Amino acid sequence: MLKQDRRIEKLYYTIGEVAELFEVNQSLIRFWEKEFDILKPQKNKKGNRLFTKHDIENLKLIYYLVKERGFTLQGARDKLRQNHEDVVNTVQIIDSLNHVKGFLLELKKEL
């Protein structure tokens, strides 16, 4: 899902940084911004998008539904409207499991 070991620490991220974080094209991020109401990055005076931690968390949800679960855009919108908390909890569980997996793989290397 998200590049491992990249923590969300800055106040604002550029679209390039966000695209790199998710390993997708910037055009996909812009497309999803138009398609999903929950994405509302701020724009500076030049019109550059600035994404907050909250925006990145919402992108994680969209990425999970569309790229990992194979939902259509309409299906993902409906799922987020109907069961937003359920999707958030599922993504958090998957993140936790991925961290545990990474830790165990590192431990295995050291043995």
PDB file of N, CA and C in Angstrom:
ATOM      1  N   MET A   1       0.842  -1.174   0.000  1.00  0.00           N
ATOM      2  CA  MET A   1       0.000   0.000   0.000  1.00  0.00           C
ATOM      3  C   MET A   1       0.884   1.232   0.000  1.00  0.00           C
ATOM      4  N   LEU A   2       1.328   1.653   1.128  1.00  0.00           N
ATOM      5  CA  LEU A   2       2.158   2.833   1.269  1.00  0.00           C
ATOM      6  C   LEU A   2       3.597   2.383   1.356  1.00  0.00           C
ATOM      7  N   LYS A   3       4.514   3.149   0.801  1.00  0.00           N
ATOM      8  CA  LYS A   3       5.920   2.795   0.948  1.00  0.00           C
ATOM      9  C   LYS A   3       6.228   2.614   2.425  1.00  0.00           C
ATOM     10  N   GLN A   4       6.836   1.500   2.741  1.00  0.00           N
ATOM     11  CA  GLN A   4       7.126   1.181   4.141  1.00  0.00           C
ATOM     12  C   GLN A   4       8.112   2.181   4.736  1.00  0.00           C
ATOM     13  N   ASP A   5       8.027   2.351   6.023  1.00  0.00           N
ATOM     14  CA  ASP A   5       8.932   3.182   6.811  1.00  0.00           C
ATOM     15  C   ASP A   5       8.905   4.657   6.429  1.00  0.00           C
ATOM     16  N   ARG A   6       7.874   5.099   5.742  1.00  0.00           N
ATOM     17  CA  ARG A   6       7.724   6.525   5.456  1.00  0.00           C
ATOM     18  C   ARG A   6       6.641   7.051   6.378  1.00  0.00           C
ATOM     19  N   ARG A   7       7.013   7.751   7.384  1.00  0.00           N
ATOM     20  CA  ARG A   7       6.056   8.286   8.346  1.00  0.00           C
ATOM     21  C   ARG A   7       5.533   9.629   7.845  1.00  0.00           C
ATOM     22  N   ILE A   8       4.297   9.898   8.196  1.00  0.00           N
ATOM     23  CA  ILE A   8       3.682  11.169   7.847  1.00  0.00           C
ATOM     24  C   ILE A   8       4.057  12.155   8.952  1.00  0.00           C
ATOM     25  N   GLU A   9       5.008  13.052   8.667  1.00  0.00           N
ATOM     26  CA  GLU A   9       5.538  13.936   9.703  1.00  0.00           C
ATOM     27  C   GLU A   9       5.419  15.420   9.370  1.00  0.00           C
ATOM     28  N   LYS A  10       5.358  15.770   8.098  1.00  0.00           N
ATOM     29  CA  LYS A  10       5.299  17.176   7.723  1.00  0.00           C
ATOM     30  C   LYS A  10       3.876  17.714   7.845  1.00  0.00           C
ATOM     31  N   LEU A  11       3.768  19.026   7.875  1.00  0.00           N
ATOM     32  CA  LEU A  11       2.454  19.661   7.937  1.00  0.00           C
ATOM     33  C   LEU A  11       1.757  19.589   6.578  1.00  0.00           C
ATOM     34  N   TYR A  12       2.506  19.842   5.510  1.00  0.00           N
ATOM     35  CA  TYR A  12       1.957  19.795   4.156  1.00  0.00           C
ATOM     36  C   TYR A  12       2.887  19.013   3.237  1.00  0.00           C
ATOM     37  N   TYR A  13       2.273  18.294   2.296  1.00  0.00           N
ATOM     38  CA  TYR A  13       3.015  17.530   1.306  1.00  0.00           C
ATOM     39  C   TYR A  13       2.587  17.967  -0.081  1.00  0.00           C
ATOM     40  N   THR A  14       3.543  18.022  -1.000  1.00  0.00           N
ATOM     41  CA  THR A  14       3.219  18.356  -2.388  1.00  0.00           C
ATOM     42  C   THR A  14       2.597  17.135  -3.055  1.00  0.00           C
ATOM     43  N   ILE A  15       1.989  17.367  -4.198  1.00  0.00           N
ATOM     44  CA  ILE A  15       1.376  16.259  -4.931  1.00  0.00           C
ATOM     45  C   ILE A  15       2.440  15.255  -5.367  1.00  0.00           C
ATOM     46  N   GLY A  16       3.635  15.727  -5.668  1.00  0.00           N
ATOM     47  CA  GLY A  16       4.722  14.835  -6.052  1.00  0.00           C
ATOM     48  C   GLY A  16       5.116  13.907  -4.915  1.00  0.00           C
ATOM     49  N   GLU A  17       5.203  14.466  -3.713  1.00  0.00           N
ATOM     50  CA  GLU A  17       5.543  13.653  -2.548  1.00  0.00           C
ATOM     51  C   GLU A  17       4.457  12.621  -2.255  1.00  0.00           C
ATOM     52  N   VAL A  18       3.213  13.041  -2.396  1.00  0.00           N
ATOM     53  CA  VAL A  18       2.090  12.133  -2.137  1.00  0.00           C
ATOM     54  C   VAL A  18       2.065  11.020  -3.184  1.00  0.00           C
ATOM     55  N   ALA A  19       2.271  11.378  -4.443  1.00  0.00           N
ATOM     56  CA  ALA A  19       2.281  10.368  -5.506  1.00  0.00           C
ATOM     57  C   ALA A  19       3.412   9.368  -5.271  1.00  0.00           C
ATOM     58  N   GLU A  20       4.559   9.849  -4.858  1.00  0.00           N
ATOM     59  CA  GLU A  20       5.687   8.959  -4.564  1.00  0.00           C
ATOM     60  C   GLU A  20       5.374   8.059  -3.375  1.00  0.00           C
ATOM     61  N   LEU A  21       4.727   8.611  -2.381  1.00  0.00           N
ATOM     62  CA  LEU A  21       4.364   7.850  -1.190  1.00  0.00           C
ATOM     63  C   LEU A  21       3.470   6.660  -1.540  1.00  0.00           C
ATOM     64  N   PHE A  22       2.539   6.859  -2.468  1.00  0.00           N
ATOM     65  CA  PHE A  22       1.611   5.805  -2.874  1.00  0.00           C
ATOM     66  C   PHE A  22       2.083   5.048  -4.112  1.00  0.00           C
ATOM     67  N   GLU A  23       3.200   5.490  -4.683  1.00  0.00           N
ATOM     68  CA  GLU A  23       3.750   4.889  -5.900  1.00  0.00           C
ATOM     69  C   GLU A  23       2.735   4.894  -7.040  1.00  0.00           C
ATOM     70  N   VAL A  24       2.124   6.064  -7.252  1.00  0.00           N
ATOM     71  CA  VAL A  24       1.178   6.268  -8.351  1.00  0.00           C
ATOM     72  C   VAL A  24       1.556   7.566  -9.067  1.00  0.00           C
ATOM     73  N   ASN A  25       0.942   7.799 -10.217  1.00  0.00           N
ATOM     74  CA  ASN A  25       1.179   9.040 -10.951  1.00  0.00           C
ATOM     75  C   ASN A  25       0.430  10.200 -10.299  1.00  0.00           C
ATOM     76  N   GLN A  26       0.974  11.395 -10.456  1.00  0.00           N
ATOM     77  CA  GLN A  26       0.316  12.591  -9.934  1.00  0.00           C
ATOM     78  C   GLN A  26      -1.054  12.776 -10.559  1.00  0.00           C
ATOM     79  N   SER A  27      -1.197  12.383 -11.809  1.00  0.00           N
ATOM     80  CA  SER A  27      -2.484  12.539 -12.488  1.00  0.00           C
ATOM     81  C   SER A  27      -3.573  11.710 -11.796  1.00  0.00           C
ATOM     82  N   LEU A  28      -3.205  10.556 -11.238  1.00  0.00           N
ATOM     83  CA  LEU A  28      -4.187   9.738 -10.532  1.00  0.00           C
ATOM     84  C   LEU A  28      -4.654  10.449  -9.257  1.00  0.00           C
ATOM     85  N   ILE A  29      -3.731  11.092  -8.563  1.00  0.00           N
ATOM     86  CA  ILE A  29      -4.092  11.836  -7.346  1.00  0.00           C
ATOM     87  C   ILE A  29      -5.053  12.971  -7.712  1.00  0.00           C
ATOM     88  N   ARG A  30      -4.743  13.711  -8.792  1.00  0.00           N
ATOM     89  CA  ARG A  30      -5.630  14.794  -9.231  1.00  0.00           C
ATOM     90  C   ARG A  30      -6.997  14.243  -9.637  1.00  0.00           C
ATOM     91  N   PHE A  31      -7.015  13.113 -10.315  1.00  0.00           N
ATOM     92  CA  PHE A  31      -8.271  12.484 -10.738  1.00  0.00           C
ATOM     93  C   PHE A  31      -9.103  12.102  -9.517  1.00  0.00           C
ATOM     94  N   TRP A  32      -8.472  11.448  -8.539  1.00  0.00           N
ATOM     95  CA  TRP A  32      -9.195  11.052  -7.333  1.00  0.00           C
ATOM     96  C   TRP A  32      -9.716  12.268  -6.577  1.00  0.00           C
ATOM     97  N   GLU A  33      -8.966  13.367  -6.631  1.00  0.00           N
ATOM     98  CA  GLU A  33      -9.422  14.592  -5.964  1.00  0.00           C
ATOM     99  C   GLU A  33     -10.755  15.055  -6.558  1.00  0.00           C
ATOM    100  N   LYS A  34     -10.908  14.927  -7.859  1.00  0.00           N
ATOM    101  CA  LYS A  34     -12.161  15.320  -8.521  1.00  0.00           C
ATOM    102  C   LYS A  34     -13.287  14.337  -8.218  1.00  0.00           C
ATOM    103  N   GLU A  35     -12.944  13.066  -8.062  1.00  0.00           N
ATOM    104  CA  GLU A  35     -13.938  12.012  -7.902  1.00  0.00           C
ATOM    105  C   GLU A  35     -14.432  11.812  -6.466  1.00  0.00           C
ATOM    106  N   PHE A  36     -13.627  12.170  -5.481  1.00  0.00           N
ATOM    107  CA  PHE A  36     -13.970  11.903  -4.087  1.00  0.00           C
ATOM    108  C   PHE A  36     -14.042  13.202  -3.291  1.00  0.00           C
ATOM    109  N   ASP A  37     -15.196  13.441  -2.683  1.00  0.00           N
ATOM    110  CA  ASP A  37     -15.425  14.658  -1.902  1.00  0.00           C
ATOM    111  C   ASP A  37     -14.546  14.746  -0.664  1.00  0.00           C
ATOM    112  N   ILE A  38     -14.058  13.609  -0.167  1.00  0.00           N
ATOM    113  CA  ILE A  38     -13.273  13.639   1.068  1.00  0.00           C
ATOM    114  C   ILE A  38     -11.857  14.161   0.842  1.00  0.00           C
ATOM    115  N   LEU A  39     -11.439  14.298  -0.414  1.00  0.00           N
ATOM    116  CA  LEU A  39     -10.118  14.852  -0.722  1.00  0.00           C
ATOM    117  C   LEU A  39     -10.252  16.339  -0.998  1.00  0.00           C
ATOM    118  N   LYS A  40      -9.667  17.121  -0.134  1.00  0.00           N
ATOM    119  CA  LYS A  40      -9.732  18.568  -0.300  1.00  0.00           C
ATOM    120  C   LYS A  40      -8.383  19.190   0.047  1.00  0.00           C
ATOM    121  N   PRO A  41      -7.365  18.958  -0.800  1.00  0.00           N
ATOM    122  CA  PRO A  41      -6.071  19.573  -0.496  1.00  0.00           C
ATOM    123  C   PRO A  41      -6.158  21.089  -0.641  1.00  0.00           C
ATOM    124  N   GLN A  42      -5.370  21.765   0.157  1.00  0.00           N
ATOM    125  CA  GLN A  42      -5.311  23.217   0.043  1.00  0.00           C
ATOM    126  C   GLN A  42      -4.463  23.565  -1.166  1.00  0.00           C
ATOM    127  N   LYS A  43      -4.639  24.770  -1.663  1.00  0.00           N
ATOM    128  CA  LYS A  43      -3.816  25.227  -2.777  1.00  0.00           C
ATOM    129  C   LYS A  43      -3.148  26.530  -2.386  1.00  0.00           C
ATOM    130  N   ASN A  44      -1.873  26.660  -2.763  1.00  0.00           N
ATOM    131  CA  ASN A  44      -1.173  27.904  -2.472  1.00  0.00           C
ATOM    132  C   ASN A  44      -1.493  28.937  -3.552  1.00  0.00           C
ATOM    133  N   LYS A  45      -0.849  30.086  -3.496  1.00  0.00           N
ATOM    134  CA  LYS A  45      -1.151  31.163  -4.448  1.00  0.00           C
ATOM    135  C   LYS A  45      -0.861  30.762  -5.889  1.00  0.00           C
ATOM    136  N   LYS A  46       0.093  29.865  -6.085  1.00  0.00           N
ATOM    137  CA  LYS A  46       0.426  29.391  -7.431  1.00  0.00           C
ATOM    138  C   LYS A  46      -0.545  28.322  -7.913  1.00  0.00           C
ATOM    139  N   GLY A  47      -1.393  27.809  -7.021  1.00  0.00           N
ATOM    140  CA  GLY A  47      -2.334  26.764  -7.384  1.00  0.00           C
ATOM    141  C   GLY A  47      -1.812  25.364  -7.129  1.00  0.00           C
ATOM    142  N   ASN A  48      -0.631  25.261  -6.505  1.00  0.00           N
ATOM    143  CA  ASN A  48      -0.083  23.945  -6.183  1.00  0.00           C
ATOM    144  C   ASN A  48      -0.860  23.326  -5.032  1.00  0.00           C
ATOM    145  N   ARG A  49      -1.126  22.036  -5.146  1.00  0.00           N
ATOM    146  CA  ARG A  49      -1.865  21.326  -4.101  1.00  0.00           C
ATOM    147  C   ARG A  49      -0.955  21.037  -2.917  1.00  0.00           C
ATOM    148  N   LEU A  50      -1.501  21.253  -1.726  1.00  0.00           N
ATOM    149  CA  LEU A  50      -0.786  20.952  -0.492  1.00  0.00           C
ATOM    150  C   LEU A  50      -1.650  20.005   0.331  1.00  0.00           C
ATOM    151  N   PHE A  51      -1.156  18.799   0.528  1.00  0.00           N
ATOM    152  CA  PHE A  51      -1.904  17.754   1.215  1.00  0.00           C
ATOM    153  C   PHE A  51      -1.517  17.681   2.680  1.00  0.00           C
ATOM    154  N   THR A  52      -2.515  17.561   3.542  1.00  0.00           N
ATOM    155  CA  THR A  52      -2.289  17.415   4.982  1.00  0.00           C
ATOM    156  C   THR A  52      -2.267  15.923   5.340  1.00  0.00           C
ATOM    157  N   LYS A  53      -1.967  15.638   6.597  1.00  0.00           N
ATOM    158  CA  LYS A  53      -2.002  14.253   7.083  1.00  0.00           C
ATOM    159  C   LYS A  53      -3.391  13.666   6.889  1.00  0.00           C
ATOM    160  N   HIS A  54      -4.406  14.478   7.131  1.00  0.00           N
ATOM    161  CA  HIS A  54      -5.790  14.026   6.973  1.00  0.00           C
ATOM    162  C   HIS A  54      -6.077  13.644   5.522  1.00  0.00           C
ATOM    163  N   ASP A  55      -5.602  14.459   4.578  1.00  0.00           N
ATOM    164  CA  ASP A  55      -5.775  14.151   3.155  1.00  0.00           C
ATOM    165  C   ASP A  55      -5.095  12.828   2.807  1.00  0.00           C
ATOM    166  N   ILE A  56      -3.902  12.609   3.356  1.00  0.00           N
ATOM    167  CA  ILE A  56      -3.163  11.379   3.068  1.00  0.00           C
ATOM    168  C   ILE A  56      -3.881  10.176   3.660  1.00  0.00           C
ATOM    169  N   GLU A  57      -4.453  10.333   4.843  1.00  0.00           N
ATOM    170  CA  GLU A  57      -5.233   9.238   5.436  1.00  0.00           C
ATOM    171  C   GLU A  57      -6.450   8.911   4.560  1.00  0.00           C
ATOM    172  N   ASN A  58      -7.099   9.941   4.024  1.00  0.00           N
ATOM    173  CA  ASN A  58      -8.234   9.705   3.120  1.00  0.00           C
ATOM    174  C   ASN A  58      -7.779   9.033   1.824  1.00  0.00           C
ATOM    175  N   LEU A  59      -6.604   9.425   1.327  1.00  0.00           N
ATOM    176  CA  LEU A  59      -6.063   8.774   0.138  1.00  0.00           C
ATOM    177  C   LEU A  59      -5.764   7.303   0.402  1.00  0.00           C
ATOM    178  N   LYS A  60      -5.325   7.000   1.611  1.00  0.00           N
ATOM    179  CA  LYS A  60      -5.080   5.598   1.979  1.00  0.00           C
ATOM    180  C   LYS A  60      -6.364   4.783   1.845  1.00  0.00           C
ATOM    181  N   LEU A  61      -7.470   5.357   2.300  1.00  0.00           N
ATOM    182  CA  LEU A  61      -8.759   4.670   2.219  1.00  0.00           C
ATOM    183  C   LEU A  61      -9.152   4.430   0.762  1.00  0.00           C
ATOM    184  N   ILE A  62      -9.006   5.458  -0.050  1.00  0.00           N
ATOM    185  CA  ILE A  62      -9.354   5.351  -1.470  1.00  0.00           C
ATOM    186  C   ILE A  62      -8.445   4.337  -2.152  1.00  0.00           C
ATOM    187  N   TYR A  63      -7.155   4.420  -1.885  1.00  0.00           N
ATOM    188  CA  TYR A  63      -6.188   3.496  -2.476  1.00  0.00           C
ATOM    189  C   TYR A  63      -6.547   2.060  -2.108  1.00  0.00           C
ATOM    190  N   TYR A  64      -6.854   1.831  -0.836  1.00  0.00           N
ATOM    191  CA  TYR A  64      -7.209   0.494  -0.371  1.00  0.00           C
ATOM    192  C   TYR A  64      -8.426  -0.046  -1.122  1.00  0.00           C
ATOM    193  N   LEU A  65      -9.470   0.768  -1.212  1.00  0.00           N
ATOM    194  CA  LEU A  65     -10.699   0.306  -1.853  1.00  0.00           C
ATOM    195  C   LEU A  65     -10.529   0.088  -3.356  1.00  0.00           C
ATOM    196  N   VAL A  66      -9.880   1.039  -4.029  1.00  0.00           N
ATOM    197  CA  VAL A  66      -9.795   0.989  -5.493  1.00  0.00           C
ATOM    198  C   VAL A  66      -8.669   0.069  -5.969  1.00  0.00           C
ATOM    199  N   LYS A  67      -7.487   0.231  -5.422  1.00  0.00           N
ATOM    200  CA  LYS A  67      -6.326  -0.504  -5.921  1.00  0.00           C
ATOM    201  C   LYS A  67      -6.184  -1.896  -5.306  1.00  0.00           C
ATOM    202  N   GLU A  68      -6.490  -2.025  -4.027  1.00  0.00           N
ATOM    203  CA  GLU A  68      -6.271  -3.304  -3.369  1.00  0.00           C
ATOM    204  C   GLU A  68      -7.513  -4.189  -3.362  1.00  0.00           C
ATOM    205  N   ARG A  69      -8.664  -3.598  -3.200  1.00  0.00           N
ATOM    206  CA  ARG A  69      -9.900  -4.388  -3.151  1.00  0.00           C
ATOM    207  C   ARG A  69     -10.613  -4.443  -4.499  1.00  0.00           C
ATOM    208  N   GLY A  70     -10.219  -3.579  -5.443  1.00  0.00           N
ATOM    209  CA  GLY A  70     -10.788  -3.630  -6.778  1.00  0.00           C
ATOM    210  C   GLY A  70     -12.158  -2.996  -6.924  1.00  0.00           C
ATOM    211  N   PHE A  71     -12.518  -2.100  -6.025  1.00  0.00           N
ATOM    212  CA  PHE A  71     -13.805  -1.408  -6.130  1.00  0.00           C
ATOM    213  C   PHE A  71     -13.795  -0.479  -7.336  1.00  0.00           C
ATOM    214  N   THR A  72     -14.962  -0.284  -7.922  1.00  0.00           N
ATOM    215  CA  THR A  72     -15.108   0.780  -8.917  1.00  0.00           C
ATOM    216  C   THR A  72     -15.106   2.099  -8.163  1.00  0.00           C
ATOM    217  N   LEU A  73     -14.965   3.202  -8.888  1.00  0.00           N
ATOM    218  CA  LEU A  73     -14.972   4.506  -8.214  1.00  0.00           C
ATOM    219  C   LEU A  73     -16.305   4.737  -7.515  1.00  0.00           C
ATOM    220  N   GLN A  74     -17.400   4.397  -8.199  1.00  0.00           N
ATOM    221  CA  GLN A  74     -18.717   4.568  -7.577  1.00  0.00           C
ATOM    222  C   GLN A  74     -18.856   3.646  -6.375  1.00  0.00           C
ATOM    223  N   GLY A  75     -18.387   2.424  -6.482  1.00  0.00           N
ATOM    224  CA  GLY A  75     -18.440   1.489  -5.362  1.00  0.00           C
ATOM    225  C   GLY A  75     -17.642   1.986  -4.169  1.00  0.00           C
ATOM    226  N   ALA A  76     -16.473   2.561  -4.435  1.00  0.00           N
ATOM    227  CA  ALA A  76     -15.642   3.101  -3.361  1.00  0.00           C
ATOM    228  C   ALA A  76     -16.323   4.306  -2.713  1.00  0.00           C
ATOM    229  N   ARG A  77     -16.924   5.180  -3.522  1.00  0.00           N
ATOM    230  CA  ARG A  77     -17.649   6.336  -2.968  1.00  0.00           C
ATOM    231  C   ARG A  77     -18.789   5.864  -2.072  1.00  0.00           C
ATOM    232  N   ASP A  78     -19.544   4.879  -2.556  1.00  0.00           N
ATOM    233  CA  ASP A  78     -20.670   4.352  -1.774  1.00  0.00           C
ATOM    234  C   ASP A  78     -20.194   3.726  -0.469  1.00  0.00           C
ATOM    235  N   LYS A  79     -19.138   2.949  -0.544  1.00  0.00           N
ATOM    236  CA  LYS A  79     -18.597   2.284   0.653  1.00  0.00           C
ATOM    237  C   LYS A  79     -18.141   3.318   1.676  1.00  0.00           C
ATOM    238  N   LEU A  80     -17.479   4.367   1.220  1.00  0.00           N
ATOM    239  CA  LEU A  80     -17.014   5.415   2.137  1.00  0.00           C
ATOM    240  C   LEU A  80     -18.188   6.175   2.752  1.00  0.00           C
ATOM    241  N   ARG A  81     -19.251   6.374   1.989  1.00  0.00           N
ATOM    242  CA  ARG A  81     -20.429   7.057   2.526  1.00  0.00           C
ATOM    243  C   ARG A  81     -21.152   6.194   3.549  1.00  0.00           C
ATOM    244  N   GLN A  82     -21.301   4.910   3.236  1.00  0.00           N
ATOM    245  CA  GLN A  82     -22.099   4.018   4.073  1.00  0.00           C
ATOM    246  C   GLN A  82     -21.335   3.492   5.286  1.00  0.00           C
ATOM    247  N   ASN A  83     -20.080   3.117   5.105  1.00  0.00           N
ATOM    248  CA  ASN A  83     -19.317   2.456   6.168  1.00  0.00           C
ATOM    249  C   ASN A  83     -17.935   3.073   6.346  1.00  0.00           C
ATOM    250  N   HIS A  84     -17.852   4.380   6.468  1.00  0.00           N
ATOM    251  CA  HIS A  84     -16.561   5.057   6.559  1.00  0.00           C
ATOM    252  C   HIS A  84     -15.719   4.508   7.711  1.00  0.00           C
ATOM    253  N   GLU A  85     -16.321   4.378   8.884  1.00  0.00           N
ATOM    254  CA  GLU A  85     -15.578   3.897  10.056  1.00  0.00           C
ATOM    255  C   GLU A  85     -15.090   2.466   9.864  1.00  0.00           C
ATOM    256  N   ASP A  86     -15.886   1.646   9.216  1.00  0.00           N
ATOM    257  CA  ASP A  86     -15.501   0.266   8.942  1.00  0.00           C
ATOM    258  C   ASP A  86     -14.260   0.220   8.044  1.00  0.00           C
ATOM    259  N   VAL A  87     -14.235   1.060   7.016  1.00  0.00           N
ATOM    260  CA  VAL A  87     -13.089   1.120   6.110  1.00  0.00           C
ATOM    261  C   VAL A  87     -11.858   1.632   6.861  1.00  0.00           C
ATOM    262  N   VAL A  88     -12.038   2.666   7.680  1.00  0.00           N
ATOM    263  CA  VAL A  88     -10.922   3.208   8.469  1.00  0.00           C
ATOM    264  C   VAL A  88     -10.341   2.124   9.366  1.00  0.00           C
ATOM    265  N   ASN A  89     -11.197   1.399  10.067  1.00  0.00           N
ATOM    266  CA  ASN A  89     -10.727   0.334  10.961  1.00  0.00           C
ATOM    267  C   ASN A  89      -9.997  -0.762  10.206  1.00  0.00           C
ATOM    268  N   THR A  90     -10.506  -1.144   9.056  1.00  0.00           N
ATOM    269  CA  THR A  90      -9.870  -2.183   8.249  1.00  0.00           C
ATOM    270  C   THR A  90      -8.482  -1.747   7.797  1.00  0.00           C
ATOM    271  N   VAL A  91      -8.362  -0.511   7.322  1.00  0.00           N
ATOM    272  CA  VAL A  91      -7.068  -0.003   6.859  1.00  0.00           C
ATOM    273  C   VAL A  91      -6.089   0.081   8.032  1.00  0.00           C
ATOM    274  N   GLN A  92      -6.554   0.494   9.203  1.00  0.00           N
ATOM    275  CA  GLN A  92      -5.679   0.551  10.374  1.00  0.00           C
ATOM    276  C   GLN A  92      -5.195  -0.840  10.764  1.00  0.00           C
ATOM    277  N   ILE A  93      -6.053  -1.825  10.704  1.00  0.00           N
ATOM    278  CA  ILE A  93      -5.660  -3.204  11.021  1.00  0.00           C
ATOM    279  C   ILE A  93      -4.623  -3.697  10.018  1.00  0.00           C
ATOM    280  N   ILE A  94      -4.846  -3.425   8.742  1.00  0.00           N
ATOM    281  CA  ILE A  94      -3.892  -3.851   7.709  1.00  0.00           C
ATOM    282  C   ILE A  94      -2.541  -3.173   7.921  1.00  0.00           C
ATOM    283  N   ASP A  95      -2.544  -1.869   8.238  1.00  0.00           N
ATOM    284  CA  ASP A  95      -1.293  -1.156   8.527  1.00  0.00           C
ATOM    285  C   ASP A  95      -0.557  -1.792   9.695  1.00  0.00           C
ATOM    286  N   SER A  96      -1.296  -2.107  10.752  1.00  0.00           N
ATOM    287  CA  SER A  96      -0.684  -2.731  11.925  1.00  0.00           C
ATOM    288  C   SER A  96      -0.084  -4.089  11.577  1.00  0.00           C
ATOM    289  N   LEU A  97      -0.814  -4.877  10.829  1.00  0.00           N
ATOM    290  CA  LEU A  97      -0.315  -6.195  10.428  1.00  0.00           C
ATOM    291  C   LEU A  97       0.924  -6.084   9.543  1.00  0.00           C
ATOM    292  N   ASN A  98       0.946  -5.092   8.665  1.00  0.00           N
ATOM    293  CA  ASN A  98       2.128  -4.886   7.816  1.00  0.00           C
ATOM    294  C   ASN A  98       3.349  -4.493   8.643  1.00  0.00           C
ATOM    295  N   HIS A  99       3.139  -3.692   9.686  1.00  0.00           N
ATOM    296  CA  HIS A  99       4.254  -3.315  10.565  1.00  0.00           C
ATOM    297  C   HIS A  99       4.773  -4.534  11.314  1.00  0.00           C
ATOM    298  N   VAL A 100       3.869  -5.361  11.802  1.00  0.00           N
ATOM    299  CA  VAL A 100       4.267  -6.582  12.506  1.00  0.00           C
ATOM    300  C   VAL A 100       5.027  -7.504  11.552  1.00  0.00           C
ATOM    301  N   LYS A 101       4.516  -7.632  10.335  1.00  0.00           N
ATOM    302  CA  LYS A 101       5.175  -8.472   9.334  1.00  0.00           C
ATOM    303  C   LYS A 101       6.591  -7.968   9.058  1.00  0.00           C
ATOM    304  N   GLY A 102       6.733  -6.645   8.891  1.00  0.00           N
ATOM    305  CA  GLY A 102       8.053  -6.062   8.660  1.00  0.00           C
ATOM    306  C   GLY A 102       9.002  -6.331   9.809  1.00  0.00           C
ATOM    307  N   PHE A 103       8.496  -6.193  11.018  1.00  0.00           N
ATOM    308  CA  PHE A 103       9.308  -6.459  12.208  1.00  0.00           C
ATOM    309  C   PHE A 103       9.750  -7.915  12.244  1.00  0.00           C
ATOM    310  N   LEU A 104       8.826  -8.825  11.964  1.00  0.00           N
ATOM    311  CA  LEU A 104       9.152 -10.252  11.991  1.00  0.00           C
ATOM    312  C   LEU A 104      10.145 -10.631  10.896  1.00  0.00           C
ATOM    313  N   LEU A 105      10.016 -10.023   9.730  1.00  0.00           N
ATOM    314  CA  LEU A 105      10.964 -10.297   8.652  1.00  0.00           C
ATOM    315  C   LEU A 105      12.365  -9.799   9.010  1.00  0.00           C
ATOM    316  N   GLU A 106      12.439  -8.637   9.639  1.00  0.00           N
ATOM    317  CA  GLU A 106      13.738  -8.124  10.096  1.00  0.00           C
ATOM    318  C   GLU A 106      14.329  -9.033  11.154  1.00  0.00           C
ATOM    319  N   LEU A 107      13.501  -9.491  12.053  1.00  0.00           N
ATOM    320  CA  LEU A 107      13.946 -10.411  13.112  1.00  0.00           C
ATOM    321  C   LEU A 107      14.468 -11.709  12.502  1.00  0.00           C
ATOM    322  N   LYS A 108      13.758 -12.194  11.481  1.00  0.00           N
ATOM    323  CA  LYS A 108      14.170 -13.434  10.811  1.00  0.00           C
ATOM    324  C   LYS A 108      15.539 -13.268  10.167  1.00  0.00           C
ATOM    325  N   LYS A 109      15.800 -12.105   9.551  1.00  0.00           N
ATOM    326  CA  LYS A 109      17.090 -11.830   8.937  1.00  0.00           C
ATOM    327  C   LYS A 109      18.234 -11.882   9.951  1.00  0.00           C
ATOM    328  N   GLU A 110      17.948 -11.405  11.161  1.00  0.00           N
ATOM    329  CA  GLU A 110      18.977 -11.347  12.189  1.00  0.00           C
ATOM    330  C   GLU A 110      19.270 -12.702  12.808  1.00  0.00           C
ATOM    331  N   LEU A 111      18.359 -13.655  12.656  1.00  0.00           N
ATOM    332  CA  LEU A 111      18.576 -14.980  13.243  1.00  0.00           C
ATOM    333  C   LEU A 111      19.440 -15.864  12.402  1.00  0.00           C
TER     334      LEU A 111
END
